[in-house]
Every structure is written in structure tokens, then in C-alpha cells.
PDB file of N, CA and C in Angstrom:
ATOM      1  N   MET A   1     -40.026  55.853 -23.683  1.00  0.00           N
ATOM      2  CA  MET A   1     -40.729  55.650 -22.412  1.00  0.00           C
ATOM      3  C   MET A   1     -40.016  56.419 -21.292  1.00  0.00           C
ATOM      4  N   ALA A   2     -40.765  57.168 -20.550  1.00  0.00           N
ATOM      5  CA  ALA A   2     -40.193  57.972 -19.475  1.00  0.00           C
ATOM      6  C   ALA A   2     -39.759  57.083 -18.311  1.00  0.00           C
ATOM      7  N   ASP A   3     -38.837  57.605 -17.514  1.00  0.00           N
ATOM      8  CA  ASP A   3     -38.419  56.862 -16.319  1.00  0.00           C
ATOM      9  C   ASP A   3     -39.601  56.756 -15.362  1.00  0.00           C
ATOM     10  N   GLU A   4     -40.022  55.542 -15.148  1.00  0.00           N
ATOM     11  CA  GLU A   4     -41.194  55.292 -14.319  1.00  0.00           C
ATOM     12  C   GLU A   4     -40.721  54.927 -12.912  1.00  0.00           C
ATOM     13  N   THR A   5     -41.431  55.400 -11.915  1.00  0.00           N
ATOM     14  CA  THR A   5     -41.102  55.012 -10.549  1.00  0.00           C
ATOM     15  C   THR A   5     -42.311  54.355  -9.912  1.00  0.00           C
ATOM     16  N   TYR A   6     -42.042  53.505  -8.936  1.00  0.00           N
ATOM     17  CA  TYR A   6     -43.095  52.815  -8.202  1.00  0.00           C
ATOM     18  C   TYR A   6     -42.919  53.136  -6.738  1.00  0.00           C
ATOM     19  N   LYS A   7     -44.003  53.565  -6.100  1.00  0.00           N
ATOM     20  CA  LYS A   7     -43.939  53.854  -4.669  1.00  0.00           C
ATOM     21  C   LYS A   7     -44.968  52.963  -4.005  1.00  0.00           C
ATOM     22  N   GLY A   8     -44.530  52.177  -3.062  1.00  0.00           N
ATOM     23  CA  GLY A   8     -45.469  51.283  -2.386  1.00  0.00           C
ATOM     24  C   GLY A   8     -44.735  50.273  -1.531  1.00  0.00           C
ATOM     25  N   GLU A   9     -45.395  49.144  -1.313  1.00  0.00           N
ATOM     26  CA  GLU A   9     -44.838  48.137  -0.427  1.00  0.00           C
ATOM     27  C   GLU A   9     -43.923  47.168  -1.157  1.00  0.00           C
ATOM     28  N   PHE A  10     -42.767  46.968  -0.588  1.00  0.00           N
ATOM     29  CA  PHE A  10     -41.833  45.945  -1.026  1.00  0.00           C
ATOM     30  C   PHE A  10     -41.679  44.996   0.160  1.00  0.00           C
ATOM     31  N   TYR A  11     -41.309  43.753  -0.109  1.00  0.00           N
ATOM     32  CA  TYR A  11     -41.015  42.820   0.968  1.00  0.00           C
ATOM     33  C   TYR A  11     -39.510  42.726   1.109  1.00  0.00           C
ATOM     34  N   CYS A  12     -39.005  43.064   2.286  1.00  0.00           N
ATOM     35  CA  CYS A  12     -37.567  42.967   2.532  1.00  0.00           C
ATOM     36  C   CYS A  12     -37.251  41.572   3.051  1.00  0.00           C
ATOM     37  N   VAL A  13     -36.396  40.862   2.319  1.00  0.00           N
ATOM     38  CA  VAL A  13     -36.062  39.484   2.681  1.00  0.00           C
ATOM     39  C   VAL A  13     -35.198  39.454   3.939  1.00  0.00           C
ATOM     40  N   LYS A  14     -34.356  40.469   4.100  1.00  0.00           N
ATOM     41  CA  LYS A  14     -33.458  40.506   5.253  1.00  0.00           C
ATOM     42  C   LYS A  14     -34.212  40.842   6.544  1.00  0.00           C
ATOM     43  N   CYS A  15     -35.080  41.866   6.490  1.00  0.00           N
ATOM     44  CA  CYS A  15     -35.871  42.249   7.668  1.00  0.00           C
ATOM     45  C   CYS A  15     -37.061  41.304   7.880  1.00  0.00           C
ATOM     46  N   LYS A  16     -37.444  40.586   6.827  1.00  0.00           N
ATOM     47  CA  LYS A  16     -38.610  39.702   6.821  1.00  0.00           C
ATOM     48  C   LYS A  16     -39.915  40.449   7.125  1.00  0.00           C
ATOM     49  N   GLU A  17     -40.020  41.679   6.634  1.00  0.00           N
ATOM     50  CA  GLU A  17     -41.285  42.397   6.706  1.00  0.00           C
ATOM     51  C   GLU A  17     -41.451  43.366   5.554  1.00  0.00           C
ATOM     52  N   LYS A  18     -42.688  43.847   5.412  1.00  0.00           N
ATOM     53  CA  LYS A  18     -42.982  44.767   4.312  1.00  0.00           C
ATOM     54  C   LYS A  18     -42.541  46.169   4.685  1.00  0.00           C
ATOM     55  N   ARG A  19     -41.969  46.851   3.703  1.00  0.00           N
ATOM     56  CA  ARG A  19     -41.485  48.216   3.903  1.00  0.00           C
ATOM     57  C   ARG A  19     -42.046  49.110   2.806  1.00  0.00           C
ATOM     58  N   GLU A  20     -42.325  50.356   3.165  1.00  0.00           N
ATOM     59  CA  GLU A  20     -42.707  51.357   2.169  1.00  0.00           C
ATOM     60  C   GLU A  20     -41.416  51.889   1.562  1.00  0.00           C
ATOM     61  N   ALA A  21     -41.335  51.866   0.249  1.00  0.00           N
ATOM     62  CA  ALA A  21     -40.130  52.362  -0.421  1.00  0.00           C
ATOM     63  C   ALA A  21     -40.501  52.843  -1.809  1.00  0.00           C
ATOM     64  N   GLU A  22     -39.553  53.529  -2.434  1.00  0.00           N
ATOM     65  CA  GLU A  22     -39.746  54.002  -3.795  1.00  0.00           C
ATOM     66  C   GLU A  22     -38.635  53.419  -4.642  1.00  0.00           C
ATOM     67  N   GLY A  23     -38.996  52.984  -5.850  1.00  0.00           N
ATOM     68  CA  GLY A  23     -37.984  52.376  -6.701  1.00  0.00           C
ATOM     69  C   GLY A  23     -38.265  52.607  -8.164  1.00  0.00           C
ATOM     70  N   LYS A  24     -37.276  52.289  -8.984  1.00  0.00           N
ATOM     71  CA  LYS A  24     -37.397  52.432 -10.435  1.00  0.00           C
ATOM     72  C   LYS A  24     -38.079  51.214 -11.024  1.00  0.00           C
ATOM     73  N   VAL A  25     -38.899  51.439 -12.047  1.00  0.00           N
ATOM     74  CA  VAL A  25     -39.540  50.334 -12.746  1.00  0.00           C
ATOM     75  C   VAL A  25     -38.673  49.943 -13.936  1.00  0.00           C
ATOM     76  N   VAL A  26     -38.324  48.669 -13.994  1.00  0.00           N
ATOM     77  CA  VAL A  26     -37.538  48.144 -15.112  1.00  0.00           C
ATOM     78  C   VAL A  26     -38.267  46.936 -15.682  1.00  0.00           C
ATOM     79  N   VAL A  27     -37.987  46.627 -16.950  1.00  0.00           N
ATOM     80  CA  VAL A  27     -38.572  45.442 -17.568  1.00  0.00           C
ATOM     81  C   VAL A  27     -37.494  44.376 -17.606  1.00  0.00           C
ATOM     82  N   SER A  28     -37.780  43.226 -17.005  1.00  0.00           N
ATOM     83  CA  SER A  28     -36.797  42.147 -16.945  1.00  0.00           C
ATOM     84  C   SER A  28     -36.701  41.428 -18.287  1.00  0.00           C
ATOM     85  N   ASP A  29     -35.751  40.513 -18.379  1.00  0.00           N
ATOM     86  CA  ASP A  29     -35.497  39.793 -19.628  1.00  0.00           C
ATOM     87  C   ASP A  29     -36.703  39.005 -20.116  1.00  0.00           C
ATOM     88  N   ASN A  30     -37.509  38.494 -19.180  1.00  0.00           N
ATOM     89  CA  ASN A  30     -38.667  37.695 -19.578  1.00  0.00           C
ATOM     90  C   ASN A  30     -39.933  38.532 -19.778  1.00  0.00           C
ATOM     91  N   GLY A  31     -39.785  39.859 -19.834  1.00  0.00           N
ATOM     92  CA  GLY A  31     -40.904  40.729 -20.164  1.00  0.00           C
ATOM     93  C   GLY A  31     -41.770  41.176 -18.998  1.00  0.00           C
ATOM     94  N   ARG A  32     -41.364  40.869 -17.786  1.00  0.00           N
ATOM     95  CA  ARG A  32     -42.138  41.302 -16.619  1.00  0.00           C
ATOM     96  C   ARG A  32     -41.647  42.659 -16.134  1.00  0.00           C
ATOM     97  N   ARG A  33     -42.578  43.460 -15.644  1.00  0.00           N
ATOM     98  CA  ARG A  33     -42.211  44.751 -15.061  1.00  0.00           C
ATOM     99  C   ARG A  33     -41.863  44.526 -13.601  1.00  0.00           C
ATOM    100  N   MET A  34     -40.727  45.087 -13.195  1.00  0.00           N
ATOM    101  CA  MET A  34     -40.285  44.934 -11.819  1.00  0.00           C
ATOM    102  C   MET A  34     -39.890  46.286 -11.268  1.00  0.00           C
ATOM    103  N   ALA A  35     -40.163  46.480  -9.997  1.00  0.00           N
ATOM    104  CA  ALA A  35     -39.714  47.692  -9.318  1.00  0.00           C
ATOM    105  C   ALA A  35     -38.513  47.322  -8.467  1.00  0.00           C
ATOM    106  N   LYS A  36     -37.464  48.121  -8.561  1.00  0.00           N
ATOM    107  CA  LYS A  36     -36.262  47.881  -7.775  1.00  0.00           C
ATOM    108  C   LYS A  36     -36.054  49.066  -6.852  1.00  0.00           C
ATOM    109  N   GLY A  37     -35.893  48.780  -5.576  1.00  0.00           N
ATOM    110  CA  GLY A  37     -35.679  49.843  -4.599  1.00  0.00           C
ATOM    111  C   GLY A  37     -34.687  49.403  -3.541  1.00  0.00           C
ATOM    112  N   LYS A  38     -34.541  50.232  -2.509  1.00  0.00           N
ATOM    113  CA  LYS A  38     -33.651  49.927  -1.393  1.00  0.00           C
ATOM    114  C   LYS A  38     -34.441  49.998  -0.100  1.00  0.00           C
ATOM    115  N   CYS A  39     -34.164  49.061   0.799  1.00  0.00           N
ATOM    116  CA  CYS A  39     -34.840  49.044   2.099  1.00  0.00           C
ATOM    117  C   CYS A  39     -34.375  50.249   2.911  1.00  0.00           C
ATOM    118  N   PRO A  40     -35.334  51.048   3.410  1.00  0.00           N
ATOM    119  CA  PRO A  40     -34.948  52.228   4.193  1.00  0.00           C
ATOM    120  C   PRO A  40     -34.320  51.871   5.541  1.00  0.00           C
ATOM    121  N   VAL A  41     -34.502  50.646   6.017  1.00  0.00           N
ATOM    122  CA  VAL A  41     -33.981  50.245   7.323  1.00  0.00           C
ATOM    123  C   VAL A  41     -32.587  49.628   7.229  1.00  0.00           C
ATOM    124  N   CYS A  42     -32.441  48.600   6.365  1.00  0.00           N
ATOM    125  CA  CYS A  42     -31.155  47.886   6.321  1.00  0.00           C
ATOM    126  C   CYS A  42     -30.359  48.126   5.042  1.00  0.00           C
ATOM    127  N   GLY A  43     -30.964  48.755   4.022  1.00  0.00           N
ATOM    128  CA  GLY A  43     -30.230  49.074   2.806  1.00  0.00           C
ATOM    129  C   GLY A  43     -30.148  47.951   1.780  1.00  0.00           C
ATOM    130  N   THR A  44     -30.850  46.836   2.026  1.00  0.00           N
ATOM    131  CA  THR A  44     -30.856  45.718   1.082  1.00  0.00           C
ATOM    132  C   THR A  44     -31.643  46.101  -0.164  1.00  0.00           C
ATOM    133  N   ASN A  45     -31.236  45.547  -1.320  1.00  0.00           N
ATOM    134  CA  ASN A  45     -31.986  45.779  -2.548  1.00  0.00           C
ATOM    135  C   ASN A  45     -33.317  45.060  -2.483  1.00  0.00           C
ATOM    136  N   LEU A  46     -34.375  45.759  -2.895  1.00  0.00           N
ATOM    137  CA  LEU A  46     -35.718  45.189  -2.883  1.00  0.00           C
ATOM    138  C   LEU A  46     -36.219  45.051  -4.303  1.00  0.00           C
ATOM    139  N   ASN A  47     -36.953  43.976  -4.576  1.00  0.00           N
ATOM    140  CA  ASN A  47     -37.573  43.766  -5.866  1.00  0.00           C
ATOM    141  C   ASN A  47     -39.040  43.477  -5.665  1.00  0.00           C
ATOM    142  N   ARG A  48     -39.861  43.999  -6.587  1.00  0.00           N
ATOM    143  CA  ARG A  48     -41.274  43.680  -6.562  1.00  0.00           C
ATOM    144  C   ARG A  48     -41.721  43.485  -8.002  1.00  0.00           C
ATOM    145  N   ILE A  49     -42.351  42.337  -8.261  1.00  0.00           N
ATOM    146  CA  ILE A  49     -42.844  42.052  -9.602  1.00  0.00           C
ATOM    147  C   ILE A  49     -44.214  42.678  -9.759  1.00  0.00           C
ATOM    148  N   LEU A  50     -44.386  43.486 -10.820  1.00  0.00           N
ATOM    149  CA  LEU A  50     -45.631  44.238 -11.026  1.00  0.00           C
ATOM    150  C   LEU A  50     -46.538  43.616 -12.084  1.00  0.00           C
ATOM    151  N   GLY A  51     -46.075  42.611 -12.794  1.00  0.00           N
ATOM    152  CA  GLY A  51     -46.908  42.004 -13.823  1.00  0.00           C
ATOM    153  C   GLY A  51     -46.358  42.257 -15.202  1.00  0.00           C
ATOM    154  N   LYS A  52     -47.084  41.830 -16.208  1.00  0.00           N
ATOM    155  CA  LYS A  52     -46.627  41.960 -17.597  1.00  0.00           C
ATOM    156  C   LYS A  52     -46.618  43.419 -18.043  1.00  0.00           C
ATOM    157  N   ALA A  53     -45.684  43.737 -18.916  1.00  0.00           N
ATOM    158  CA  ALA A  53     -45.548  45.115 -19.409  1.00  0.00           C
ATOM    159  C   ALA A  53     -46.669  45.453 -20.389  1.00  0.00           C
TER     160      ALA A  53
END
């Protein structure tokens, strides 16, 4: 499987608002696809659950 990326809206918990960011798609232990990125404003790690793989 190729390295997949996700570009779209993440919710930043620290800023408490939605941010446009790009992140890598990974499959978590429970089989869900998640996108992991960084907030462009504060640098906090962002996670977004994309659904089942």
C-alpha cells in the first residue's frame, strides 16, 4: 500500500477550531483509518478518524 495522505479539515483541540492541514493516513490498532497532521497555527498534533479501512 502506497503512502496515503489526507488533505482537509482537522479539528485542533488547542485552538478549538477547524484548520486546513495535510497529514499521513495510518491504520490504528482497532482497524480504523486515521489521518495525522500538525496544526499550522500552534503546531499541535491533529488526528482525524476517516472510518473503517
